[in-house]
Amino acid sequence: MKPLIRVITGLVSGLVFIWSPVTGAELSAHEIVQKMLDRDDGRSSYSQNQLMSCRYKLTNGRYKCSSKPRVKLSEGISKDTGENAKDTINLNLIIKPASEKGMAFLQHDYDAEEKDSEQWMYLPAMKKLKRIVSETDDGPKTGTLFGSEIAYEDIEKRHINDATYELLGEETFNKRKVWKIKSTPTPKQARKSSYAYTLSWVDQERFMASKFELYDRQGKLKKTFLEQKVENHNGIWVARQMMVINHSNQRMSLMRISRIELNIDVPDALLGTRALNDASYRETQLRPIREKAK
């Protein structure tokens, strides 16, 4: 089950990593990133989530809402597909508020480096299925997921050869040993990205990134991603909370996983575009999954 947010972490399934005792004393930055990308994090998942977005203020070193937050409840389904189960399809559905119920996002990630992620959004109020594409052939996608601070660009799959990597050293983050790695997109990938480079703090035991900083083309810090409340579920590390701080507009989003089930049976029929705009069909496919997750 490859992550929904491949460039840095994950929206829901991207918060999941398998524990590994491998030490990285002799690993290069490229090898560390490869181990993160190759992580066997399960074949499927179902989750129930809360997504909160608001303007923020920094109080005593903590980010807090300074405006009334917008709260959305959603379900997330993910499954490995394709040859050798190396591709991934992710479906996310809004449950609440009622005014947005039925809004859905589908992403298909490909293991093949020559294939970019495909993304669709269904808008029930307009009864419109929209494929998300960039405004230019090789430019970055614009817009954000469900009105949050998570951009469509942020959740596209990235391949190991999309960037070069530099190990900047070792540090301690949240009382855990981490590597600090700088990732710089290749010239070809840079045309598709709003970011000039990314700094990652990678846990040396779990091989998961605890923190990401994304810098814009002027070298200014644009976003920070923080993975929080990490738990071990039958050998799988799960970050039950992810905070996204957008420094350019002083807004933040907080994704909380209230429930997650891994390695469950997910029918292929649920992960096509029909599941986006046909509510009756989608509910028929989802009902047994919800029952198993109770």
C-alpha atoms as a PDB file:
ATOM      1  CA  MET A   1       0.000   0.000   0.000  1.00  0.00           C
ATOM      2  CA  LYS A   2       2.067   2.943  -1.222  1.00  0.00           C
ATOM      3  CA  PRO A   3       1.412   6.316   0.372  1.00  0.00           C
ATOM      4  CA  LEU A   4      -1.054   8.854  -0.931  1.00  0.00           C
ATOM      5  CA  ILE A   5       1.389  11.655  -0.222  1.00  0.00           C
ATOM      6  CA  ARG A   6       4.480  10.276  -1.872  1.00  0.00           C
ATOM      7  CA  VAL A   7       6.535  13.445  -2.104  1.00  0.00           C
ATOM      8  CA  ILE A   8       6.744  13.747   1.640  1.00  0.00           C
ATOM      9  CA  THR A   9       4.429  11.556   3.653  1.00  0.00           C
ATOM     10  CA  GLY A  10       0.832  10.727   3.295  1.00  0.00           C
ATOM     11  CA  LEU A  11      -2.597  11.976   3.695  1.00  0.00           C
ATOM     12  CA  VAL A  12      -3.833   8.870   5.346  1.00  0.00           C
ATOM     13  CA  SER A  13      -2.098   5.777   4.082  1.00  0.00           C
ATOM     14  CA  GLY A  14       1.065   7.824   3.701  1.00  0.00           C
ATOM     15  CA  LEU A  15       1.278   8.014   7.477  1.00  0.00           C
ATOM     16  CA  VAL A  16       1.976   4.283   7.698  1.00  0.00           C
ATOM     17  CA  PHE A  17       5.414   2.637   7.796  1.00  0.00           C
ATOM     18  CA  ILE A  18       6.675  -0.847   8.684  1.00  0.00           C
ATOM     19  CA  TRP A  19       9.256  -1.027  11.471  1.00  0.00           C
ATOM     20  CA  SER A  20      12.718  -2.230  10.431  1.00  0.00           C
ATOM     21  CA  PRO A  21      15.788  -2.858  12.624  1.00  0.00           C
ATOM     22  CA  VAL A  22      18.211  -1.945   9.785  1.00  0.00           C
ATOM     23  CA  THR A  23      20.851   0.527  10.879  1.00  0.00           C
ATOM     24  CA  GLY A  24      21.870   3.315   8.551  1.00  0.00           C
ATOM     25  CA  ALA A  25      25.416   4.001   9.704  1.00  0.00           C
ATOM     26  CA  GLU A  26      26.853   3.296   6.249  1.00  0.00           C
ATOM     27  CA  LEU A  27      23.867   4.394   4.161  1.00  0.00           C
ATOM     28  CA  SER A  28      23.986   7.301   1.736  1.00  0.00           C
ATOM     29  CA  ALA A  29      21.165   9.836   1.490  1.00  0.00           C
ATOM     30  CA  HIS A  30      19.988   8.156  -1.709  1.00  0.00           C
ATOM     31  CA  GLU A  31      19.891   4.751   0.002  1.00  0.00           C
ATOM     32  CA  ILE A  32      17.978   6.115   2.991  1.00  0.00           C
ATOM     33  CA  VAL A  33      15.331   7.646   0.730  1.00  0.00           C
ATOM     34  CA  GLN A  34      15.114   4.434  -1.294  1.00  0.00           C
ATOM     35  CA  LYS A  35      14.412   2.463   1.885  1.00  0.00           C
ATOM     36  CA  MET A  36      11.589   4.874   2.712  1.00  0.00           C
ATOM     37  CA  LEU A  37      10.073   4.551  -0.758  1.00  0.00           C
ATOM     38  CA  ASP A  38      10.416   0.756  -0.793  1.00  0.00           C
ATOM     39  CA  ARG A  39       8.724   0.343   2.565  1.00  0.00           C
ATOM     40  CA  ASP A  40       6.323  -2.606   2.685  1.00  0.00           C
ATOM     41  CA  ASP A  41       3.451  -0.794   4.354  1.00  0.00           C
ATOM     42  CA  GLY A  42       0.658  -3.266   3.683  1.00  0.00           C
ATOM     43  CA  ARG A  43      -1.474  -4.137   0.687  1.00  0.00           C
ATOM     44  CA  SER A  44      -4.576  -2.080   1.538  1.00  0.00           C
ATOM     45  CA  SER A  45      -6.145   0.182   4.138  1.00  0.00           C
ATOM     46  CA  TYR A  46      -9.402   1.719   5.323  1.00  0.00           C
ATOM     47  CA  SER A  47      -9.460   4.783   7.571  1.00  0.00           C
ATOM     48  CA  GLN A  48     -11.811   7.280   9.166  1.00  0.00           C
ATOM     49  CA  ASN A  49     -10.347  10.775   9.415  1.00  0.00           C
ATOM     50  CA  GLN A  50     -10.834  14.338  10.551  1.00  0.00           C
ATOM     51  CA  LEU A  51      -9.357  17.207   8.540  1.00  0.00           C
ATOM     52  CA  MET A  52      -9.263  20.618  10.220  1.00  0.00           C
ATOM     53  CA  SER A  53      -8.032  23.846   8.587  1.00  0.00           C
ATOM     54  CA  CYS A  54      -7.697  27.364   9.993  1.00  0.00           C
ATOM     55  CA  ARG A  55      -5.560  30.471  10.223  1.00  0.00           C
ATOM     56  CA  TYR A  56      -2.927  30.015  12.903  1.00  0.00           C
ATOM     57  CA  LYS A  57      -0.923  31.884  15.482  1.00  0.00           C
ATOM     58  CA  LEU A  58       2.254  30.766  17.188  1.00  0.00           C
ATOM     59  CA  THR A  59       1.828  30.759  20.979  1.00  0.00           C
ATOM     60  CA  ASN A  60       4.652  29.581  23.241  1.00  0.00           C
ATOM     61  CA  GLY A  61       6.147  27.657  20.352  1.00  0.00           C
ATOM     62  CA  ARG A  62       2.876  25.893  19.496  1.00  0.00           C
ATOM     63  CA  TYR A  63       0.673  26.396  16.440  1.00  0.00           C
ATOM     64  CA  LYS A  64      -2.929  27.175  17.371  1.00  0.00           C
ATOM     65  CA  CYS A  65      -5.999  28.242  15.402  1.00  0.00           C
ATOM     66  CA  SER A  66      -6.642  31.979  15.430  1.00  0.00           C
ATOM     67  CA  SER A  67      -9.886  31.622  13.449  1.00  0.00           C
ATOM     68  CA  LYS A  68     -12.808  29.232  13.542  1.00  0.00           C
ATOM     69  CA  PRO A  69     -11.566  25.973  12.010  1.00  0.00           C
ATOM     70  CA  ARG A  70     -13.244  24.288   9.080  1.00  0.00           C
ATOM     71  CA  VAL A  71     -13.705  20.619   9.965  1.00  0.00           C
ATOM     72  CA  LYS A  72     -14.348  17.774   7.526  1.00  0.00           C
ATOM     73  CA  LEU A  73     -14.848  14.079   8.252  1.00  0.00           C
ATOM     74  CA  SER A  74     -13.768  11.603   5.598  1.00  0.00           C
ATOM     75  CA  GLU A  75     -13.151   7.972   4.745  1.00  0.00           C
ATOM     76  CA  GLY A  76     -10.006   6.776   2.994  1.00  0.00           C
ATOM     77  CA  ILE A  77      -9.459   3.557   1.046  1.00  0.00           C
ATOM     78  CA  SER A  78      -6.180   2.439  -0.502  1.00  0.00           C
ATOM     79  CA  LYS A  79      -5.089  -0.665  -2.391  1.00  0.00           C
ATOM     80  CA  ASP A  80      -2.003  -1.901  -4.218  1.00  0.00           C
ATOM     81  CA  THR A  81      -2.750  -2.781  -7.840  1.00  0.00           C
ATOM     82  CA  GLY A  82      -1.030  -3.416 -11.143  1.00  0.00           C
ATOM     83  CA  GLU A  83       1.801  -5.753 -12.006  1.00  0.00           C
ATOM     84  CA  ASN A  84       3.455  -7.078  -8.840  1.00  0.00           C
ATOM     85  CA  ALA A  85       1.085  -4.814  -6.857  1.00  0.00           C
ATOM     86  CA  LYS A  86       3.460  -1.849  -7.197  1.00  0.00           C
ATOM     87  CA  ASP A  87       0.864   0.684  -8.324  1.00  0.00           C
ATOM     88  CA  THR A  88      -1.572   2.202  -5.827  1.00  0.00           C
ATOM     89  CA  ILE A  89      -5.096   3.603  -5.987  1.00  0.00           C
ATOM     90  CA  ASN A  90      -6.392   5.860  -3.212  1.00  0.00           C
ATOM     91  CA  LEU A  91      -9.984   7.014  -2.717  1.00  0.00           C
ATOM     92  CA  ASN A  92     -11.015   9.684  -0.212  1.00  0.00           C
ATOM     93  CA  LEU A  93     -14.659  10.613   0.481  1.00  0.00           C
ATOM     94  CA  ILE A  94     -16.148  13.495   2.444  1.00  0.00           C
ATOM     95  CA  ILE A  95     -18.805  12.429   4.975  1.00  0.00           C
ATOM     96  CA  LYS A  96     -19.364  15.752   6.781  1.00  0.00           C
ATOM     97  CA  PRO A  97     -20.290  18.599   6.572  1.00  0.00           C
ATOM     98  CA  ALA A  98     -23.564  17.749   4.860  1.00  0.00           C
ATOM     99  CA  SER A  99     -23.012  20.498   2.294  1.00  0.00           C
ATOM    100  CA  GLU A 100     -19.924  18.651   1.009  1.00  0.00           C
ATOM    101  CA  LYS A 101     -21.009  15.051   1.545  1.00  0.00           C
ATOM    102  CA  GLY A 102     -20.148  12.918  -1.458  1.00  0.00           C
ATOM    103  CA  MET A 103     -17.206  15.022  -2.572  1.00  0.00           C
ATOM    104  CA  ALA A 104     -14.563  12.514  -3.562  1.00  0.00           C
ATOM    105  CA  PHE A 105     -10.915  12.392  -4.631  1.00  0.00           C
ATOM    106  CA  LEU A 106      -9.256   9.543  -6.496  1.00  0.00           C
ATOM    107  CA  GLN A 107      -5.539   9.157  -7.173  1.00  0.00           C
ATOM    108  CA  HIS A 108      -3.764   6.468  -9.176  1.00  0.00           C
ATOM    109  CA  ASP A 109      -0.006   6.201  -8.581  1.00  0.00           C
ATOM    110  CA  TYR A 110       2.247   4.261 -10.929  1.00  0.00           C
ATOM    111  CA  ASP A 111       5.495   2.508 -10.173  1.00  0.00           C
ATOM    112  CA  ALA A 112       6.755   3.187 -13.715  1.00  0.00           C
ATOM    113  CA  GLU A 113       8.893   6.319 -13.630  1.00  0.00           C
ATOM    114  CA  GLU A 114       7.594   7.581 -16.967  1.00  0.00           C
ATOM    115  CA  LYS A 115       4.000   7.736 -15.668  1.00  0.00           C
ATOM    116  CA  ASP A 116       2.765  10.614 -13.508  1.00  0.00           C
ATOM    117  CA  SER A 117       0.028  10.263 -10.897  1.00  0.00           C
ATOM    118  CA  GLU A 118      -3.527  10.609 -12.201  1.00  0.00           C
ATOM    119  CA  GLN A 119      -5.987  12.565 -10.052  1.00  0.00           C
ATOM    120  CA  TRP A 120      -9.762  13.098 -10.210  1.00  0.00           C
ATOM    121  CA  MET A 121     -12.174  15.127  -8.076  1.00  0.00           C
ATOM    122  CA  TYR A 122     -15.947  14.652  -7.972  1.00  0.00           C
ATOM    123  CA  LEU A 123     -18.055  17.684  -7.033  1.00  0.00           C
ATOM    124  CA  PRO A 124     -21.582  16.466  -6.107  1.00  0.00           C
ATOM    125  CA  ALA A 125     -23.159  19.943  -6.042  1.00  0.00           C
ATOM    126  CA  MET A 126     -22.242  20.339  -9.713  1.00  0.00           C
ATOM    127  CA  LYS A 127     -22.477  16.619 -10.523  1.00  0.00           C
ATOM    128  CA  LYS A 128     -19.114  17.071 -12.163  1.00  0.00           C
ATOM    129  CA  LEU A 129     -16.170  14.676 -12.427  1.00  0.00           C
ATOM    130  CA  LYS A 130     -13.001  16.683 -12.968  1.00  0.00           C
ATOM    131  CA  ARG A 131      -9.579  15.390 -13.879  1.00  0.00           C
ATOM    132  CA  ILE A 132      -6.881  17.438 -12.178  1.00  0.00           C
ATOM    133  CA  VAL A 133      -4.151  18.528 -14.572  1.00  0.00           C
ATOM    134  CA  SER A 134      -1.547  21.281 -14.660  1.00  0.00           C
ATOM    135  CA  GLU A 135      -2.249  24.468 -16.577  1.00  0.00           C
ATOM    136  CA  THR A 136       0.783  23.795 -18.769  1.00  0.00           C
ATOM    137  CA  ASP A 137       2.160  20.532 -20.127  1.00  0.00           C
ATOM    138  CA  ASP A 138       5.135  20.439 -17.764  1.00  0.00           C
ATOM    139  CA  GLY A 139       4.115  22.838 -14.981  1.00  0.00           C
ATOM    140  CA  PRO A 140       2.971  22.117 -11.408  1.00  0.00           C
ATOM    141  CA  LYS A 141      -0.658  21.416 -10.596  1.00  0.00           C
ATOM    142  CA  THR A 142      -2.548  24.118  -8.748  1.00  0.00           C
ATOM    143  CA  GLY A 143      -5.283  23.789  -6.129  1.00  0.00           C
ATOM    144  CA  THR A 144      -5.579  21.992  -2.816  1.00  0.00           C
ATOM    145  CA  LEU A 145      -7.217  18.856  -1.489  1.00  0.00           C
ATOM    146  CA  PHE A 146     -10.678  19.542  -0.004  1.00  0.00           C
ATOM    147  CA  GLY A 147      -9.732  23.182   0.622  1.00  0.00           C
ATOM    148  CA  SER A 148      -6.883  22.239   2.978  1.00  0.00           C
ATOM    149  CA  GLU A 149      -3.244  23.360   2.909  1.00  0.00           C
ATOM    150  CA  ILE A 150      -2.290  20.090   1.176  1.00  0.00           C
ATOM    151  CA  ALA A 151      -1.726  20.863  -2.495  1.00  0.00           C
ATOM    152  CA  TYR A 152      -2.465  18.391  -5.275  1.00  0.00           C
ATOM    153  CA  GLU A 153       1.222  18.640  -6.106  1.00  0.00           C
ATOM    154  CA  ASP A 154       2.131  17.556  -2.552  1.00  0.00           C
ATOM    155  CA  ILE A 155       0.353  14.220  -2.857  1.00  0.00           C
ATOM    156  CA  GLU A 156       1.628  13.124  -6.254  1.00  0.00           C
ATOM    157  CA  LYS A 157       3.901  10.073  -6.261  1.00  0.00           C
ATOM    158  CA  ARG A 158       7.602  10.810  -6.523  1.00  0.00           C
ATOM    159  CA  HIS A 159      10.176   8.359  -7.822  1.00  0.00           C
ATOM    160  CA  ILE A 160      13.706   8.008  -6.505  1.00  0.00           C
ATOM    161  CA  ASN A 161      15.222   9.445  -9.702  1.00  0.00           C
ATOM    162  CA  ASP A 162      13.040  12.569  -9.577  1.00  0.00           C
ATOM    163  CA  ALA A 163      15.593  14.224  -7.282  1.00  0.00           C
ATOM    164  CA  THR A 164      19.156  14.208  -6.017  1.00  0.00           C
ATOM    165  CA  TYR A 165      19.870  13.754  -2.315  1.00  0.00           C
ATOM    166  CA  GLU A 166      22.386  15.130   0.147  1.00  0.00           C
ATOM    167  CA  LEU A 167      22.926  13.912   3.716  1.00  0.00           C
ATOM    168  CA  LEU A 168      23.356  17.061   5.815  1.00  0.00           C
ATOM    169  CA  GLY A 169      24.081  15.290   9.083  1.00  0.00           C
ATOM    170  CA  GLU A 170      22.500  13.648  12.116  1.00  0.00           C
ATOM    171  CA  GLU A 171      20.318  15.381  14.694  1.00  0.00           C
ATOM    172  CA  THR A 172      17.843  14.693  17.474  1.00  0.00           C
ATOM    173  CA  PHE A 173      14.193  15.458  16.789  1.00  0.00           C
ATOM    174  CA  ASN A 174      11.498  14.813  19.413  1.00  0.00           C
ATOM    175  CA  LYS A 175      14.106  12.868  21.417  1.00  0.00           C
ATOM    176  CA  ARG A 176      14.779  10.507  18.514  1.00  0.00           C
ATOM    177  CA  LYS A 177      17.855  10.199  16.304  1.00  0.00           C
ATOM    178  CA  VAL A 178      17.259  11.363  12.758  1.00  0.00           C
ATOM    179  CA  TRP A 179      19.118  12.021   9.533  1.00  0.00           C
ATOM    180  CA  LYS A 180      18.667  15.398   7.898  1.00  0.00           C
ATOM    181  CA  ILE A 181      18.430  15.057   4.122  1.00  0.00           C
ATOM    182  CA  LYS A 182      18.140  17.662   1.374  1.00  0.00           C
ATOM    183  CA  SER A 183      16.234  16.632  -1.767  1.00  0.00           C
ATOM    184  CA  THR A 184      16.598  18.742  -4.914  1.00  0.00           C
ATOM    185  CA  PRO A 185      14.417  17.964  -7.958  1.00  0.00           C
ATOM    186  CA  THR A 186      16.128  17.203 -11.246  1.00  0.00           C
ATOM    187  CA  PRO A 187      15.852  19.907 -13.949  1.00  0.00           C
ATOM    188  CA  LYS A 188      13.021  17.968 -15.621  1.00  0.00           C
ATOM    189  CA  GLN A 189      11.125  17.486 -12.349  1.00  0.00           C
ATOM    190  CA  ALA A 190      11.806  21.076 -11.235  1.00  0.00           C
ATOM    191  CA  ARG A 191       9.604  22.358 -14.065  1.00  0.00           C
ATOM    192  CA  LYS A 192       6.704  20.393 -12.588  1.00  0.00           C
ATOM    193  CA  SER A 193       7.268  21.584  -9.022  1.00  0.00           C
ATOM    194  CA  SER A 194       6.609  24.753  -7.050  1.00  0.00           C
ATOM    195  CA  TYR A 195       9.422  23.782  -4.692  1.00  0.00           C
ATOM    196  CA  ALA A 196      13.161  24.324  -5.107  1.00  0.00           C
ATOM    197  CA  TYR A 197      14.120  21.710  -2.516  1.00  0.00           C
ATOM    198  CA  THR A 198      12.916  19.757   0.531  1.00  0.00           C
ATOM    199  CA  LEU A 199      14.554  19.136   3.914  1.00  0.00           C
ATOM    200  CA  SER A 200      13.597  15.864   5.618  1.00  0.00           C
ATOM    201  CA  TRP A 201      14.222  14.625   9.149  1.00  0.00           C
ATOM    202  CA  VAL A 202      14.233  10.807   8.859  1.00  0.00           C
ATOM    203  CA  ASP A 203      13.916   8.586  11.934  1.00  0.00           C
ATOM    204  CA  GLN A 204      16.943   6.276  12.077  1.00  0.00           C
ATOM    205  CA  GLU A 205      15.036   3.367  13.608  1.00  0.00           C
ATOM    206  CA  ARG A 206      11.691   3.596  11.801  1.00  0.00           C
ATOM    207  CA  PHE A 207      12.913   4.921   8.446  1.00  0.00           C
ATOM    208  CA  MET A 208      10.012   7.366   8.362  1.00  0.00           C
ATOM    209  CA  ALA A 209      10.211  11.126   8.008  1.00  0.00           C
ATOM    210  CA  SER A 210       9.107  12.909  11.177  1.00  0.00           C
ATOM    211  CA  LYS A 211       9.315  16.340   9.586  1.00  0.00           C
ATOM    212  CA  PHE A 212       9.508  17.909   6.133  1.00  0.00           C
ATOM    213  CA  GLU A 213      10.226  21.492   5.128  1.00  0.00           C
ATOM    214  CA  LEU A 214       9.392  22.584   1.582  1.00  0.00           C
ATOM    215  CA  TYR A 215      11.128  25.645   0.126  1.00  0.00           C
ATOM    216  CA  ASP A 216       9.844  27.675  -2.828  1.00  0.00           C
ATOM    217  CA  ARG A 217      11.794  28.704  -5.908  1.00  0.00           C
ATOM    218  CA  GLN A 218      13.060  31.808  -4.105  1.00  0.00           C
ATOM    219  CA  GLY A 219      14.488  29.607  -1.344  1.00  0.00           C
ATOM    220  CA  LYS A 220      11.884  30.708   1.214  1.00  0.00           C
ATOM    221  CA  LEU A 221      10.256  28.210   3.575  1.00  0.00           C
ATOM    222  CA  LYS A 222       6.730  27.602   2.258  1.00  0.00           C
ATOM    223  CA  LYS A 223       5.387  24.579   4.155  1.00  0.00           C
ATOM    224  CA  THR A 224       6.222  22.351   7.095  1.00  0.00           C
ATOM    225  CA  PHE A 225       4.784  18.846   7.511  1.00  0.00           C
ATOM    226  CA  LEU A 226       4.922  17.194  10.948  1.00  0.00           C
ATOM    227  CA  GLU A 227       3.989  13.591  11.704  1.00  0.00           C
ATOM    228  CA  GLN A 228       2.737  13.142  15.257  1.00  0.00           C
ATOM    229  CA  LYS A 229       1.270  10.569  17.653  1.00  0.00           C
ATOM    230  CA  VAL A 230       3.178   7.631  16.176  1.00  0.00           C
ATOM    231  CA  GLU A 231       1.884   4.200  17.228  1.00  0.00           C
ATOM    232  CA  ASN A 232       2.813   0.614  16.401  1.00  0.00           C
ATOM    233  CA  HIS A 233      -0.004  -1.519  14.975  1.00  0.00           C
ATOM    234  CA  ASN A 234       1.087  -5.154  14.634  1.00  0.00           C
ATOM    235  CA  GLY A 235       4.542  -4.132  13.478  1.00  0.00           C
ATOM    236  CA  ILE A 236       3.346  -1.182  11.420  1.00  0.00           C
ATOM    237  CA  TRP A 237       4.170   2.324  12.574  1.00  0.00           C
ATOM    238  CA  VAL A 238       1.218   4.674  12.158  1.00  0.00           C
ATOM    239  CA  ALA A 239       1.331   8.446  12.615  1.00  0.00           C
ATOM    240  CA  ARG A 240      -2.206   9.132  13.827  1.00  0.00           C
ATOM    241  CA  GLN A 241      -1.837  12.860  13.233  1.00  0.00           C
ATOM    242  CA  MET A 242      -0.223  15.050  10.588  1.00  0.00           C
ATOM    243  CA  MET A 243       0.118  18.837  10.774  1.00  0.00           C
ATOM    244  CA  VAL A 244       0.663  20.943   7.653  1.00  0.00           C
ATOM    245  CA  ILE A 245       1.789  24.535   8.209  1.00  0.00           C
ATOM    246  CA  ASN A 246       1.622  26.931   5.260  1.00  0.00           C
ATOM    247  CA  HIS A 247       3.991  29.769   6.124  1.00  0.00           C
ATOM    248  CA  SER A 248       3.102  31.791   3.027  1.00  0.00           C
ATOM    249  CA  ASN A 249      -0.558  32.381   3.992  1.00  0.00           C
ATOM    250  CA  GLN A 250      -0.468  31.748   7.760  1.00  0.00           C
ATOM    251  CA  ARG A 251      -2.848  28.804   7.527  1.00  0.00           C
ATOM    252  CA  MET A 252      -2.570  25.247   8.807  1.00  0.00           C
ATOM    253  CA  SER A 253      -4.307  21.907   8.365  1.00  0.00           C
ATOM    254  CA  LEU A 254      -4.440  19.030  10.843  1.00  0.00           C
ATOM    255  CA  MET A 255      -5.257  15.492   9.723  1.00  0.00           C
ATOM    256  CA  ARG A 256      -6.245  13.035  12.450  1.00  0.00           C
ATOM    257  CA  ILE A 257      -6.867   9.329  11.909  1.00  0.00           C
ATOM    258  CA  SER A 258      -9.605   8.191  14.270  1.00  0.00           C
ATOM    259  CA  ARG A 259      -9.661   4.614  12.978  1.00  0.00           C
ATOM    260  CA  ILE A 260      -7.485   2.592  10.632  1.00  0.00           C
ATOM    261  CA  GLU A 261      -7.590  -1.000   9.401  1.00  0.00           C
ATOM    262  CA  LEU A 262      -4.751  -2.476   7.364  1.00  0.00           C
ATOM    263  CA  ASN A 263      -4.577  -5.391   4.927  1.00  0.00           C
ATOM    264  CA  ILE A 264      -8.311  -5.676   4.406  1.00  0.00           C
ATOM    265  CA  ASP A 265     -10.130  -6.906   1.299  1.00  0.00           C
ATOM    266  CA  VAL A 266     -10.921  -3.992  -1.022  1.00  0.00           C
ATOM    267  CA  PRO A 267     -12.826  -4.741  -4.253  1.00  0.00           C
ATOM    268  CA  ASP A 268     -11.294  -3.338  -7.417  1.00  0.00           C
ATOM    269  CA  ALA A 269     -14.714  -1.989  -8.341  1.00  0.00           C
ATOM    270  CA  LEU A 270     -14.473   0.552  -5.516  1.00  0.00           C
ATOM    271  CA  LEU A 271     -11.357   2.152  -6.909  1.00  0.00           C
ATOM    272  CA  GLY A 272     -12.537   3.376 -10.315  1.00  0.00           C
ATOM    273  CA  THR A 273     -14.059   6.661 -11.450  1.00  0.00           C
ATOM    274  CA  ARG A 274     -17.572   5.155 -11.229  1.00  0.00           C
ATOM    275  CA  ALA A 275     -17.158   5.043  -7.449  1.00  0.00           C
ATOM    276  CA  LEU A 276     -16.725   8.818  -7.494  1.00  0.00           C
ATOM    277  CA  ASN A 277     -19.972   9.895  -9.132  1.00  0.00           C
ATOM    278  CA  ASP A 278     -22.293   6.941  -8.451  1.00  0.00           C
ATOM    279  CA  ALA A 279     -23.178   7.126  -4.751  1.00  0.00           C
ATOM    280  CA  SER A 280     -25.412   4.036  -4.743  1.00  0.00           C
ATOM    281  CA  TYR A 281     -22.749   1.924  -6.418  1.00  0.00           C
ATOM    282  CA  ARG A 282     -20.075   3.251  -4.059  1.00  0.00           C
ATOM    283  CA  GLU A 283     -22.113   2.542  -0.937  1.00  0.00           C
ATOM    284  CA  THR A 284     -22.752  -1.046  -2.055  1.00  0.00           C
ATOM    285  CA  GLN A 285     -19.005  -1.584  -2.327  1.00  0.00           C
ATOM    286  CA  LEU A 286     -18.184   0.251   0.907  1.00  0.00           C
ATOM    287  CA  ARG A 287     -20.751  -1.385   3.186  1.00  0.00           C
ATOM    288  CA  PRO A 288     -18.878  -4.675   3.800  1.00  0.00           C
ATOM    289  CA  ILE A 289     -15.612  -2.798   4.384  1.00  0.00           C
ATOM    290  CA  ARG A 290     -17.232  -0.640   7.060  1.00  0.00           C
ATOM    291  CA  GLU A 291     -18.713  -3.744   8.696  1.00  0.00           C
ATOM    292  CA  LYS A 292     -15.303  -5.410   8.910  1.00  0.00           C
ATOM    293  CA  ALA A 293     -13.762  -2.251  10.339  1.00  0.00           C
ATOM    294  CA  LYS A 294     -16.199  -2.009  13.262  1.00  0.00           C
END
